[in-house]
N, C-alpha and C. Protein backbone atom coordinates (compact mmCIF):
# COMPACT_ATOMS: atom_id res chain seq x y z
N UNK A 1 34.88 89.51 -126.32
CA UNK A 1 34.88 90.46 -127.43
C UNK A 1 36.30 90.93 -127.71
N UNK A 2 36.72 90.91 -128.98
CA UNK A 2 38.07 91.32 -129.33
C UNK A 2 38.20 92.84 -129.27
N UNK A 3 39.46 93.30 -129.23
CA UNK A 3 39.72 94.75 -129.21
C UNK A 3 39.16 95.41 -130.47
N UNK A 4 39.32 94.74 -131.60
CA UNK A 4 38.82 95.29 -132.86
C UNK A 4 37.30 95.44 -132.82
N UNK A 5 36.62 94.47 -132.27
CA UNK A 5 35.16 94.54 -132.17
C UNK A 5 34.72 95.66 -131.24
N UNK A 6 35.46 95.87 -130.16
CA UNK A 6 35.13 96.95 -129.23
C UNK A 6 35.24 98.31 -129.91
N UNK A 7 36.30 98.51 -130.67
CA UNK A 7 36.49 99.79 -131.36
C UNK A 7 35.42 99.98 -132.43
N UNK A 8 35.08 98.91 -133.14
CA UNK A 8 34.02 99.00 -134.14
C UNK A 8 32.70 99.43 -133.51
N UNK A 9 32.43 98.95 -132.31
CA UNK A 9 31.19 99.32 -131.65
C UNK A 9 31.17 100.81 -131.27
N UNK A 10 32.30 101.29 -130.78
CA UNK A 10 32.39 102.73 -130.47
C UNK A 10 32.16 103.54 -131.73
N UNK A 11 32.84 103.15 -132.80
CA UNK A 11 32.75 103.85 -134.07
C UNK A 11 31.33 103.86 -134.62
N UNK A 12 30.70 102.70 -134.63
CA UNK A 12 29.36 102.58 -135.18
C UNK A 12 28.33 103.34 -134.34
N UNK A 13 28.47 103.27 -133.02
CA UNK A 13 27.49 103.93 -132.17
C UNK A 13 27.50 105.43 -132.38
N UNK A 14 28.71 106.04 -132.39
CA UNK A 14 28.78 107.49 -132.54
C UNK A 14 28.47 107.95 -133.96
N UNK A 15 28.70 107.10 -134.96
CA UNK A 15 28.30 107.44 -136.32
C UNK A 15 26.78 107.53 -136.43
N UNK A 16 26.09 106.68 -135.70
CA UNK A 16 24.62 106.66 -135.73
C UNK A 16 24.00 107.65 -134.75
N UNK A 17 24.78 108.09 -133.77
CA UNK A 17 24.26 108.98 -132.72
C UNK A 17 25.20 110.16 -132.51
N UNK A 18 25.34 111.02 -133.52
CA UNK A 18 26.28 112.15 -133.39
C UNK A 18 25.85 113.13 -132.31
N UNK A 19 26.81 113.92 -131.84
CA UNK A 19 26.55 114.86 -130.75
C UNK A 19 25.85 116.10 -131.29
N UNK A 20 24.54 115.99 -131.49
CA UNK A 20 23.75 117.09 -132.06
C UNK A 20 23.31 118.10 -131.02
N UNK A 21 23.35 117.72 -129.73
CA UNK A 21 22.80 118.54 -128.65
C UNK A 21 21.30 118.76 -128.85
N UNK A 22 20.64 117.82 -129.55
CA UNK A 22 19.21 117.93 -129.79
C UNK A 22 18.39 117.53 -128.58
N UNK A 23 17.09 117.57 -128.74
CA UNK A 23 16.18 117.21 -127.64
C UNK A 23 16.41 115.78 -127.18
N UNK A 24 16.77 114.90 -128.11
CA UNK A 24 17.17 113.53 -127.82
C UNK A 24 18.55 113.32 -128.42
N UNK A 25 19.44 112.70 -127.68
CA UNK A 25 20.81 112.52 -128.15
C UNK A 25 20.84 111.89 -129.54
N UNK A 26 21.59 112.54 -130.44
CA UNK A 26 21.76 112.01 -131.79
C UNK A 26 20.66 112.37 -132.77
N UNK A 27 19.59 113.00 -132.28
CA UNK A 27 18.48 113.37 -133.16
C UNK A 27 18.66 114.79 -133.68
N UNK A 28 17.83 115.17 -134.65
CA UNK A 28 17.94 116.46 -135.32
C UNK A 28 16.81 117.41 -134.92
N UNK A 29 16.05 117.06 -133.89
CA UNK A 29 14.95 117.92 -133.47
C UNK A 29 15.31 118.66 -132.19
N UNK A 30 14.84 119.91 -132.15
CA UNK A 30 15.11 120.81 -131.03
C UNK A 30 13.79 121.43 -130.59
N UNK A 31 13.85 122.25 -129.56
CA UNK A 31 12.63 122.86 -129.05
C UNK A 31 11.92 123.69 -130.11
N UNK A 32 12.67 124.23 -131.06
CA UNK A 32 12.08 125.08 -132.10
C UNK A 32 11.86 124.37 -133.42
N UNK A 33 12.00 123.06 -133.46
CA UNK A 33 11.73 122.32 -134.69
C UNK A 33 12.85 121.38 -135.08
N UNK A 34 12.73 120.78 -136.27
CA UNK A 34 13.71 119.82 -136.77
C UNK A 34 14.55 120.45 -137.87
N UNK A 35 15.81 120.05 -137.94
CA UNK A 35 16.74 120.63 -138.90
C UNK A 35 17.31 119.55 -139.81
N UNK A 36 17.81 119.96 -140.96
CA UNK A 36 18.39 119.02 -141.92
C UNK A 36 19.88 118.85 -141.65
N UNK A 37 20.30 117.61 -141.47
CA UNK A 37 21.70 117.32 -141.24
C UNK A 37 22.56 117.89 -142.36
N UNK A 38 23.61 118.62 -142.00
CA UNK A 38 24.55 119.16 -142.98
C UNK A 38 24.20 120.52 -143.52
N UNK A 39 23.07 121.08 -143.11
CA UNK A 39 22.71 122.42 -143.57
C UNK A 39 23.35 123.48 -142.68
N UNK A 40 23.50 124.68 -143.22
CA UNK A 40 24.05 125.77 -142.43
C UNK A 40 23.17 126.06 -141.22
N UNK A 41 21.86 125.97 -141.41
CA UNK A 41 20.92 126.21 -140.31
C UNK A 41 21.10 125.17 -139.21
N UNK A 42 21.37 123.94 -139.61
CA UNK A 42 21.59 122.87 -138.63
C UNK A 42 22.84 123.16 -137.80
N UNK A 43 23.94 123.49 -138.46
CA UNK A 43 25.17 123.76 -137.71
C UNK A 43 25.01 124.97 -136.79
N UNK A 44 24.33 125.99 -137.26
CA UNK A 44 24.09 127.16 -136.42
C UNK A 44 23.25 126.77 -135.19
N UNK A 45 22.29 125.87 -135.39
CA UNK A 45 21.44 125.45 -134.26
C UNK A 45 22.24 124.61 -133.27
N UNK A 46 23.09 123.72 -133.78
CA UNK A 46 23.98 122.95 -132.91
C UNK A 46 24.83 123.89 -132.06
N UNK A 47 25.39 124.90 -132.71
CA UNK A 47 26.26 125.83 -132.00
C UNK A 47 25.51 126.63 -130.95
N UNK A 48 24.34 127.11 -131.28
CA UNK A 48 23.57 127.87 -130.29
C UNK A 48 23.29 127.04 -129.05
N UNK A 49 22.95 125.77 -129.29
CA UNK A 49 22.66 124.90 -128.15
C UNK A 49 23.91 124.67 -127.31
N UNK A 50 25.00 124.34 -127.97
CA UNK A 50 26.26 124.07 -127.27
C UNK A 50 26.74 125.31 -126.52
N UNK A 51 26.67 126.46 -127.17
CA UNK A 51 27.10 127.70 -126.52
C UNK A 51 26.25 128.01 -125.29
N UNK A 52 24.97 127.67 -125.35
CA UNK A 52 24.09 127.95 -124.20
C UNK A 52 24.49 127.10 -123.00
N UNK A 53 25.12 125.95 -123.25
CA UNK A 53 25.57 125.08 -122.16
C UNK A 53 26.91 125.53 -121.59
N UNK A 54 27.63 126.36 -122.32
CA UNK A 54 29.02 126.69 -121.94
C UNK A 54 29.23 128.20 -121.84
N UNK A 55 28.23 128.92 -121.43
CA UNK A 55 28.29 130.38 -121.41
C UNK A 55 29.49 130.92 -120.63
N UNK A 56 29.84 130.24 -119.56
CA UNK A 56 30.92 130.73 -118.71
C UNK A 56 32.27 130.69 -119.41
N UNK A 57 32.37 130.03 -120.54
CA UNK A 57 33.64 129.91 -121.26
C UNK A 57 33.79 130.94 -122.37
N UNK A 58 32.76 131.79 -122.57
CA UNK A 58 32.77 132.76 -123.66
C UNK A 58 32.90 134.17 -123.11
N UNK A 59 33.67 134.99 -123.80
CA UNK A 59 33.76 136.40 -123.47
C UNK A 59 33.44 137.20 -124.73
N UNK A 60 34.47 137.59 -125.49
CA UNK A 60 34.24 138.30 -126.74
C UNK A 60 33.92 137.36 -127.89
N UNK A 61 34.34 136.10 -127.76
CA UNK A 61 34.10 135.10 -128.80
C UNK A 61 33.95 133.74 -128.13
N UNK A 62 33.36 132.77 -128.81
CA UNK A 62 33.12 131.47 -128.17
C UNK A 62 34.41 130.80 -127.69
N UNK A 63 34.41 130.37 -126.46
CA UNK A 63 35.48 129.60 -125.83
C UNK A 63 36.80 130.37 -125.67
N UNK A 64 36.75 131.70 -125.73
CA UNK A 64 38.00 132.45 -125.60
C UNK A 64 38.50 132.51 -124.15
N UNK A 65 37.68 132.08 -123.20
CA UNK A 65 38.17 131.95 -121.83
C UNK A 65 38.79 130.58 -121.59
N UNK A 66 38.65 129.70 -122.56
CA UNK A 66 39.17 128.34 -122.46
C UNK A 66 40.41 128.15 -123.32
N UNK A 67 40.36 128.63 -124.54
CA UNK A 67 41.43 128.39 -125.51
C UNK A 67 42.29 129.63 -125.75
N UNK A 68 43.62 129.45 -125.87
CA UNK A 68 44.53 130.58 -126.14
C UNK A 68 44.60 130.89 -127.63
N UNK A 69 43.50 131.37 -128.20
CA UNK A 69 43.46 131.63 -129.63
C UNK A 69 44.60 132.53 -130.11
N UNK A 70 44.84 133.60 -129.39
CA UNK A 70 45.82 134.59 -129.84
C UNK A 70 47.22 134.01 -129.96
N UNK A 71 47.55 133.11 -129.07
CA UNK A 71 48.90 132.52 -129.08
C UNK A 71 49.17 131.73 -130.34
N UNK A 72 48.12 131.15 -130.93
CA UNK A 72 48.29 130.29 -132.10
C UNK A 72 47.59 130.86 -133.34
N UNK A 73 47.37 132.18 -133.32
CA UNK A 73 46.59 132.81 -134.40
C UNK A 73 47.34 132.86 -135.73
N UNK A 74 48.64 132.87 -135.70
CA UNK A 74 49.43 132.99 -136.93
C UNK A 74 49.78 131.62 -137.48
N UNK A 75 48.73 130.88 -137.82
CA UNK A 75 48.87 129.55 -138.43
C UNK A 75 49.55 128.53 -137.53
N UNK A 76 49.40 128.68 -136.22
CA UNK A 76 49.87 127.64 -135.31
C UNK A 76 49.11 126.35 -135.59
N UNK A 77 49.78 125.22 -135.50
CA UNK A 77 49.16 123.94 -135.81
C UNK A 77 48.40 123.42 -134.58
N UNK A 78 47.10 123.25 -134.73
CA UNK A 78 46.23 122.86 -133.63
C UNK A 78 45.51 121.56 -134.01
N UNK A 79 45.51 120.60 -133.08
CA UNK A 79 44.84 119.32 -133.29
C UNK A 79 43.68 119.16 -132.33
N UNK A 80 42.52 118.78 -132.86
CA UNK A 80 41.40 118.37 -132.01
C UNK A 80 41.17 116.88 -132.19
N UNK A 81 41.17 116.15 -131.09
CA UNK A 81 40.88 114.72 -131.11
C UNK A 81 39.44 114.52 -130.67
N UNK A 82 38.62 114.03 -131.59
CA UNK A 82 37.19 113.86 -131.32
C UNK A 82 36.45 115.12 -131.66
N UNK A 83 36.34 115.45 -132.95
CA UNK A 83 35.80 116.75 -133.36
C UNK A 83 34.28 116.81 -133.34
N UNK A 84 33.60 115.66 -133.24
CA UNK A 84 32.14 115.70 -133.23
C UNK A 84 31.61 116.35 -134.49
N UNK A 85 30.79 117.38 -134.34
CA UNK A 85 30.23 118.08 -135.49
C UNK A 85 30.96 119.38 -135.79
N UNK A 86 32.14 119.57 -135.16
CA UNK A 86 33.06 120.61 -135.62
C UNK A 86 32.94 121.99 -135.03
N UNK A 87 32.16 122.18 -133.99
CA UNK A 87 31.99 123.53 -133.43
C UNK A 87 33.31 124.12 -132.97
N UNK A 88 34.06 123.39 -132.17
CA UNK A 88 35.31 123.93 -131.62
C UNK A 88 36.38 124.08 -132.70
N UNK A 89 36.49 123.10 -133.59
CA UNK A 89 37.46 123.20 -134.68
C UNK A 89 37.18 124.42 -135.54
N UNK A 90 35.91 124.69 -135.80
CA UNK A 90 35.53 125.88 -136.58
C UNK A 90 36.01 127.15 -135.91
N UNK A 91 35.83 127.24 -134.60
CA UNK A 91 36.24 128.45 -133.89
C UNK A 91 37.75 128.64 -133.91
N UNK A 92 38.51 127.56 -133.81
CA UNK A 92 39.96 127.68 -133.95
C UNK A 92 40.33 128.20 -135.33
N UNK A 93 39.70 127.65 -136.37
CA UNK A 93 39.99 128.08 -137.74
C UNK A 93 39.63 129.54 -137.94
N UNK A 94 38.50 129.97 -137.39
CA UNK A 94 38.09 131.37 -137.51
C UNK A 94 39.06 132.30 -136.81
N UNK A 95 39.79 131.78 -135.84
CA UNK A 95 40.74 132.59 -135.10
C UNK A 95 42.17 132.43 -135.61
N UNK A 96 42.33 131.89 -136.81
CA UNK A 96 43.62 131.92 -137.49
C UNK A 96 44.52 130.72 -137.31
N UNK A 97 44.05 129.67 -136.64
CA UNK A 97 44.90 128.49 -136.45
C UNK A 97 44.86 127.59 -137.69
N UNK A 98 45.91 126.82 -137.84
CA UNK A 98 45.99 125.79 -138.87
C UNK A 98 45.45 124.50 -138.22
N UNK A 99 44.19 124.19 -138.49
CA UNK A 99 43.46 123.17 -137.72
C UNK A 99 43.50 121.81 -138.39
N UNK A 100 43.76 120.79 -137.58
CA UNK A 100 43.54 119.40 -137.96
C UNK A 100 42.54 118.83 -136.97
N UNK A 101 41.45 118.29 -137.48
CA UNK A 101 40.41 117.71 -136.62
C UNK A 101 40.24 116.25 -136.98
N UNK A 102 40.25 115.38 -135.97
CA UNK A 102 40.11 113.94 -136.23
C UNK A 102 38.96 113.38 -135.40
N UNK A 103 38.40 112.30 -135.90
CA UNK A 103 37.37 111.57 -135.17
C UNK A 103 37.41 110.13 -135.63
N UNK A 104 36.81 109.25 -134.84
CA UNK A 104 36.83 107.82 -135.13
C UNK A 104 35.75 107.43 -136.14
N UNK A 105 34.72 108.27 -136.31
CA UNK A 105 33.61 107.85 -137.17
C UNK A 105 33.40 108.77 -138.37
N UNK A 106 32.86 108.20 -139.43
CA UNK A 106 32.66 108.91 -140.69
C UNK A 106 31.67 110.05 -140.59
N UNK A 107 30.63 109.89 -139.78
CA UNK A 107 29.63 110.95 -139.67
C UNK A 107 30.27 112.24 -139.19
N UNK A 108 31.09 112.16 -138.17
CA UNK A 108 31.74 113.35 -137.64
C UNK A 108 32.68 113.97 -138.67
N UNK A 109 33.44 113.16 -139.35
CA UNK A 109 34.38 113.66 -140.35
C UNK A 109 33.63 114.31 -141.51
N UNK A 110 32.60 113.65 -141.99
CA UNK A 110 31.82 114.20 -143.11
C UNK A 110 31.13 115.51 -142.74
N UNK A 111 30.55 115.56 -141.54
CA UNK A 111 29.81 116.75 -141.14
C UNK A 111 30.75 117.91 -140.80
N UNK A 112 31.88 117.63 -140.19
CA UNK A 112 32.84 118.70 -139.90
C UNK A 112 33.42 119.23 -141.20
N UNK A 113 33.70 118.35 -142.15
CA UNK A 113 34.17 118.79 -143.47
C UNK A 113 33.12 119.68 -144.14
N UNK A 114 31.87 119.27 -144.06
CA UNK A 114 30.78 120.06 -144.63
C UNK A 114 30.69 121.42 -143.96
N UNK A 115 30.81 121.46 -142.64
CA UNK A 115 30.78 122.72 -141.90
C UNK A 115 31.87 123.66 -142.40
N UNK A 116 33.10 123.15 -142.56
CA UNK A 116 34.21 123.97 -143.02
C UNK A 116 33.94 124.51 -144.42
N UNK A 117 33.36 123.68 -145.28
CA UNK A 117 33.03 124.13 -146.64
C UNK A 117 32.01 125.26 -146.61
N UNK A 118 30.97 125.13 -145.81
CA UNK A 118 29.93 126.14 -145.73
C UNK A 118 30.46 127.46 -145.21
N UNK A 119 31.41 127.38 -144.28
CA UNK A 119 31.97 128.61 -143.70
C UNK A 119 33.22 129.08 -144.43
N UNK A 120 33.58 128.37 -145.51
CA UNK A 120 34.76 128.71 -146.31
C UNK A 120 36.02 128.80 -145.45
N UNK A 121 36.22 127.77 -144.65
CA UNK A 121 37.38 127.70 -143.76
C UNK A 121 38.33 126.61 -144.24
N UNK A 122 39.60 126.81 -143.97
CA UNK A 122 40.61 125.81 -144.29
C UNK A 122 40.90 124.94 -143.07
N UNK A 123 41.13 123.68 -143.32
CA UNK A 123 41.47 122.76 -142.24
C UNK A 123 41.48 121.34 -142.76
N UNK A 124 42.17 120.47 -142.05
CA UNK A 124 42.21 119.06 -142.41
C UNK A 124 41.31 118.30 -141.46
N UNK A 125 40.41 117.50 -142.00
CA UNK A 125 39.49 116.70 -141.19
C UNK A 125 39.62 115.26 -141.67
N UNK A 126 39.90 114.34 -140.73
CA UNK A 126 40.16 112.97 -141.16
C UNK A 126 39.81 111.96 -140.07
N UNK A 127 39.64 110.72 -140.51
CA UNK A 127 39.42 109.61 -139.59
C UNK A 127 40.72 109.29 -138.87
N UNK A 128 40.64 109.08 -137.56
CA UNK A 128 41.81 108.65 -136.80
C UNK A 128 41.35 108.04 -135.48
N UNK A 129 42.12 107.08 -134.99
CA UNK A 129 41.89 106.44 -133.70
C UNK A 129 42.75 107.16 -132.67
N UNK A 130 42.14 107.65 -131.61
CA UNK A 130 42.86 108.40 -130.59
C UNK A 130 43.99 107.61 -129.96
N UNK A 131 43.92 106.29 -130.00
CA UNK A 131 44.94 105.44 -129.39
C UNK A 131 46.17 105.28 -130.28
N UNK A 132 46.05 105.69 -131.54
CA UNK A 132 47.15 105.53 -132.50
C UNK A 132 47.06 106.64 -133.53
N UNK A 133 47.38 107.84 -133.14
CA UNK A 133 47.24 109.00 -134.02
C UNK A 133 48.26 108.94 -135.16
N UNK A 134 47.84 109.23 -136.38
CA UNK A 134 48.71 109.10 -137.55
C UNK A 134 49.59 110.31 -137.79
N UNK A 135 50.28 110.76 -136.75
CA UNK A 135 51.13 111.94 -136.85
C UNK A 135 52.46 111.65 -136.17
N UNK A 136 53.51 112.33 -136.65
CA UNK A 136 54.82 112.20 -136.04
C UNK A 136 54.85 112.87 -134.67
N UNK A 137 55.80 112.47 -133.85
CA UNK A 137 56.00 113.12 -132.56
C UNK A 137 56.18 114.63 -132.77
N UNK A 138 55.57 115.42 -131.89
CA UNK A 138 55.78 116.86 -131.91
C UNK A 138 55.29 117.57 -133.15
N UNK A 139 54.22 117.09 -133.74
CA UNK A 139 53.69 117.70 -134.97
C UNK A 139 52.95 119.01 -134.68
N UNK A 140 52.27 119.10 -133.55
CA UNK A 140 51.35 120.22 -133.32
C UNK A 140 51.85 121.15 -132.21
N UNK A 141 51.42 122.41 -132.34
CA UNK A 141 51.73 123.40 -131.31
C UNK A 141 50.78 123.30 -130.13
N UNK A 142 49.57 122.84 -130.42
CA UNK A 142 48.55 122.73 -129.37
C UNK A 142 47.63 121.58 -129.73
N UNK A 143 47.29 120.77 -128.75
CA UNK A 143 46.37 119.66 -128.96
C UNK A 143 45.35 119.60 -127.84
N UNK A 144 44.13 119.21 -128.17
CA UNK A 144 43.10 119.15 -127.14
C UNK A 144 42.04 118.13 -127.50
N UNK A 145 41.26 117.76 -126.49
CA UNK A 145 40.11 116.88 -126.67
C UNK A 145 39.06 117.28 -125.65
N UNK A 146 37.83 117.47 -126.11
CA UNK A 146 36.75 117.96 -125.25
C UNK A 146 35.69 116.89 -125.07
N UNK A 147 35.59 116.34 -123.87
CA UNK A 147 34.50 115.42 -123.55
C UNK A 147 34.44 114.19 -124.43
N UNK A 148 35.59 113.66 -124.83
CA UNK A 148 35.62 112.56 -125.79
C UNK A 148 36.37 111.33 -125.27
N UNK A 149 37.54 111.53 -124.71
CA UNK A 149 38.44 110.40 -124.46
C UNK A 149 37.95 109.44 -123.39
N UNK A 150 36.99 109.85 -122.56
CA UNK A 150 36.44 108.88 -121.61
C UNK A 150 35.57 107.85 -122.32
N UNK A 151 35.32 108.04 -123.62
CA UNK A 151 34.62 107.03 -124.42
C UNK A 151 35.59 106.04 -125.07
N UNK A 152 36.88 106.28 -124.94
CA UNK A 152 37.87 105.41 -125.58
C UNK A 152 38.05 104.12 -124.77
N UNK A 153 38.20 102.97 -125.45
CA UNK A 153 38.50 101.73 -124.73
C UNK A 153 39.85 101.78 -124.01
N UNK A 154 40.72 102.74 -124.38
CA UNK A 154 42.02 102.89 -123.73
C UNK A 154 42.24 104.36 -123.42
N UNK A 155 41.67 104.82 -122.33
CA UNK A 155 41.75 106.23 -121.95
C UNK A 155 43.20 106.67 -121.75
N UNK A 156 43.95 105.91 -120.97
CA UNK A 156 45.33 106.29 -120.67
C UNK A 156 46.18 106.36 -121.94
N UNK A 157 46.04 105.35 -122.82
CA UNK A 157 46.80 105.34 -124.06
C UNK A 157 46.42 106.49 -124.97
N UNK A 158 45.15 106.86 -124.98
CA UNK A 158 44.69 107.97 -125.82
C UNK A 158 45.27 109.30 -125.35
N UNK A 159 45.32 109.49 -124.05
CA UNK A 159 45.91 110.72 -123.51
C UNK A 159 47.41 110.77 -123.83
N UNK A 160 48.09 109.64 -123.68
CA UNK A 160 49.52 109.58 -124.02
C UNK A 160 49.76 109.95 -125.48
N UNK A 161 48.88 109.48 -126.37
CA UNK A 161 49.02 109.77 -127.79
C UNK A 161 48.85 111.26 -128.07
N UNK A 162 47.88 111.89 -127.43
CA UNK A 162 47.67 113.32 -127.64
C UNK A 162 48.90 114.11 -127.22
N UNK A 163 49.45 113.75 -126.08
CA UNK A 163 50.65 114.44 -125.60
C UNK A 163 51.83 114.18 -126.52
N UNK A 164 51.93 112.96 -127.05
CA UNK A 164 53.05 112.61 -127.93
C UNK A 164 53.14 113.50 -129.17
N UNK A 165 51.99 113.83 -129.76
CA UNK A 165 52.02 114.55 -131.04
C UNK A 165 52.10 116.07 -130.86
N UNK A 166 52.15 116.54 -129.62
CA UNK A 166 52.33 117.96 -129.35
C UNK A 166 53.82 118.24 -129.14
N UNK A 167 54.30 119.35 -129.68
CA UNK A 167 55.70 119.72 -129.57
C UNK A 167 56.11 119.91 -128.11
N UNK A 168 57.36 119.61 -127.78
CA UNK A 168 57.85 119.95 -126.43
C UNK A 168 57.66 121.43 -126.17
N UNK A 169 57.07 121.75 -125.05
CA UNK A 169 56.79 123.15 -124.73
C UNK A 169 55.48 123.66 -125.32
N UNK A 170 54.80 122.81 -126.10
CA UNK A 170 53.51 123.21 -126.67
C UNK A 170 52.41 123.12 -125.63
N UNK A 171 51.20 123.37 -126.05
CA UNK A 171 50.07 123.36 -125.12
C UNK A 171 49.10 122.24 -125.42
N UNK A 172 48.37 121.82 -124.40
CA UNK A 172 47.32 120.82 -124.62
C UNK A 172 46.25 120.97 -123.54
N UNK A 173 45.07 120.49 -123.88
CA UNK A 173 43.97 120.53 -122.93
C UNK A 173 43.09 119.31 -123.11
N UNK A 174 42.64 118.74 -122.00
CA UNK A 174 41.79 117.56 -122.04
C UNK A 174 40.63 117.77 -121.06
N UNK A 175 39.40 117.66 -121.55
CA UNK A 175 38.25 117.74 -120.68
C UNK A 175 37.62 116.35 -120.58
N UNK A 176 37.52 115.85 -119.36
CA UNK A 176 36.86 114.58 -119.07
C UNK A 176 35.84 114.84 -117.97
N UNK A 177 34.80 114.04 -117.94
CA UNK A 177 33.84 114.17 -116.85
C UNK A 177 34.45 113.60 -115.57
N UNK A 178 34.28 114.33 -114.48
CA UNK A 178 34.75 113.87 -113.18
C UNK A 178 34.01 112.60 -112.79
N UNK A 179 34.76 111.54 -112.50
CA UNK A 179 34.15 110.25 -112.22
C UNK A 179 33.23 110.30 -111.00
N UNK A 180 33.48 111.23 -110.08
CA UNK A 180 32.69 111.30 -108.86
C UNK A 180 31.55 112.32 -108.93
N UNK A 181 31.30 112.83 -110.14
CA UNK A 181 30.26 113.85 -110.28
C UNK A 181 28.91 113.23 -110.63
N UNK A 182 27.85 113.97 -110.36
CA UNK A 182 26.51 113.55 -110.74
C UNK A 182 26.41 113.46 -112.26
N UNK A 183 27.02 114.43 -112.96
CA UNK A 183 27.00 114.44 -114.42
C UNK A 183 27.60 113.17 -114.99
N UNK A 184 28.74 112.75 -114.42
CA UNK A 184 29.39 111.53 -114.91
C UNK A 184 28.50 110.30 -114.66
N UNK A 185 27.98 110.21 -113.46
CA UNK A 185 27.19 109.02 -113.11
C UNK A 185 25.90 108.95 -113.94
N UNK A 186 25.31 110.10 -114.23
CA UNK A 186 24.05 110.08 -115.00
C UNK A 186 24.31 109.92 -116.49
N UNK A 187 25.18 110.78 -117.07
CA UNK A 187 25.38 110.75 -118.53
C UNK A 187 26.28 109.60 -118.97
N UNK A 188 27.44 109.45 -118.33
CA UNK A 188 28.40 108.44 -118.78
C UNK A 188 28.01 107.04 -118.32
N UNK A 189 27.74 106.87 -117.03
CA UNK A 189 27.46 105.54 -116.52
C UNK A 189 26.05 105.06 -116.85
N UNK A 190 25.06 105.93 -116.67
CA UNK A 190 23.68 105.48 -116.86
C UNK A 190 23.23 105.59 -118.32
N UNK A 191 23.22 106.82 -118.86
CA UNK A 191 22.68 106.99 -120.21
C UNK A 191 23.57 106.31 -121.26
N UNK A 192 24.87 106.70 -121.28
CA UNK A 192 25.73 106.18 -122.34
C UNK A 192 26.27 104.79 -122.01
N UNK A 193 26.57 104.55 -120.75
CA UNK A 193 27.10 103.25 -120.37
C UNK A 193 26.06 102.15 -120.33
N UNK A 194 24.95 102.40 -119.61
CA UNK A 194 23.92 101.37 -119.43
C UNK A 194 22.89 101.37 -120.56
N UNK A 195 22.24 102.51 -120.79
CA UNK A 195 21.18 102.55 -121.80
C UNK A 195 21.72 102.38 -123.21
N UNK A 196 22.89 102.98 -123.48
CA UNK A 196 23.45 102.91 -124.83
C UNK A 196 24.53 101.84 -124.97
N UNK A 197 24.72 101.05 -123.93
CA UNK A 197 25.59 99.86 -123.97
C UNK A 197 27.09 100.14 -124.11
N UNK A 198 27.56 101.37 -123.82
CA UNK A 198 28.99 101.62 -123.94
C UNK A 198 29.80 100.82 -122.92
N UNK A 199 29.17 100.36 -121.84
CA UNK A 199 29.90 99.56 -120.85
C UNK A 199 30.49 98.29 -121.45
N UNK A 200 29.99 97.90 -122.61
CA UNK A 200 30.49 96.68 -123.25
C UNK A 200 31.92 96.85 -123.76
N UNK A 201 32.34 98.08 -124.02
CA UNK A 201 33.66 98.25 -124.61
C UNK A 201 34.57 99.23 -123.88
N UNK A 202 34.11 99.84 -122.79
CA UNK A 202 34.97 100.76 -122.04
C UNK A 202 35.91 100.00 -121.12
N UNK A 203 37.11 100.56 -120.92
CA UNK A 203 38.10 99.93 -120.07
C UNK A 203 37.99 100.41 -118.64
N UNK A 204 38.85 99.89 -117.73
CA UNK A 204 38.77 100.20 -116.31
C UNK A 204 39.11 101.64 -115.96
N UNK A 205 39.77 102.38 -116.88
CA UNK A 205 40.13 103.76 -116.59
C UNK A 205 39.01 104.74 -116.94
N UNK A 206 37.95 104.27 -117.58
CA UNK A 206 36.88 105.17 -118.04
C UNK A 206 35.88 105.42 -116.92
């Protein structure tokens, strides 16, 4: 399988199976019913589910124990690589950052753009490959990726790219599943790797 084919498979799989946090991965149904993709109610339901999984990271506002919102509140340039359905990018925008959110697939870009429109937030949302980000060196004050880059066919190169586009002295954060954890072995290796066939295109660093 060529490198181009491997990337196409990653792109197509996540476009068809977005991170909805639903009862079944990629679906729009939850314990309290089914929601319409792209509606305000849908995004609010996605957020409630995600927040319930990450309670320890919230204090006065979502993820304020994780992200330095105040430091970049005055239009600091913040990049998210792998925006999914836009929950984290939205929170950065609500806290005053100048947000750029990128993802490899159209579904994520379209839905995050829709989310920003519904919440009347400013931000740039675009297609981009984490291994070759379309930005100059040192473009951003802060860059991060949450639970995404271990899906890249080139994990090491993707991390290098994220660091490259952050200014010297800027901040960055990367969340990956611990390879030796039960969560990694069940979700990444079994569900996503074996059942969803991601093992066909992941590299040795994933």
